[in-house]
């Protein structure tokens, strides 16, 4: 079983943070933080998950597979764009690009949805004002 120090080093090597580890182990980030305190211990169940993750990472390295998240590579970036992504991962190893991307997509969609609702309401108001104006300008009988 890996030690706390080995786990910390492995996280640095693969560019993942404790938030990611918490997700993989189905626990909260504060729980993971507690594991790495002086008196903290990594629970046996989490150790098994982490050991499997470490083995999977090792197998990928042996096969020469890139460690980039599938969602990043599935976007079919050009070579130049992928180099930008790799530099970002190297410079900011603690940021989980897959989760970051997911959050940005949600923010973008929520913003566009809000903008769309505003435009629909504005168009409905404009149409109503135009109808009222047309009605107001008609001669009375």
Foldseek 3Di string as FASTA:
>chain_A
DDDLVRLVVVLLVLLEALCVLCVQLVHHSVLSVQCNDPPHNDDPSSVVSSVVVSVVVVVCVVVVHDSQDPVVVVVPDDPVVVVVVVVVCVVRSHDNVVVVVVVVVVVVVVVVVVVVVVVVVVVVVVVVVVVVVVVVPDDDD
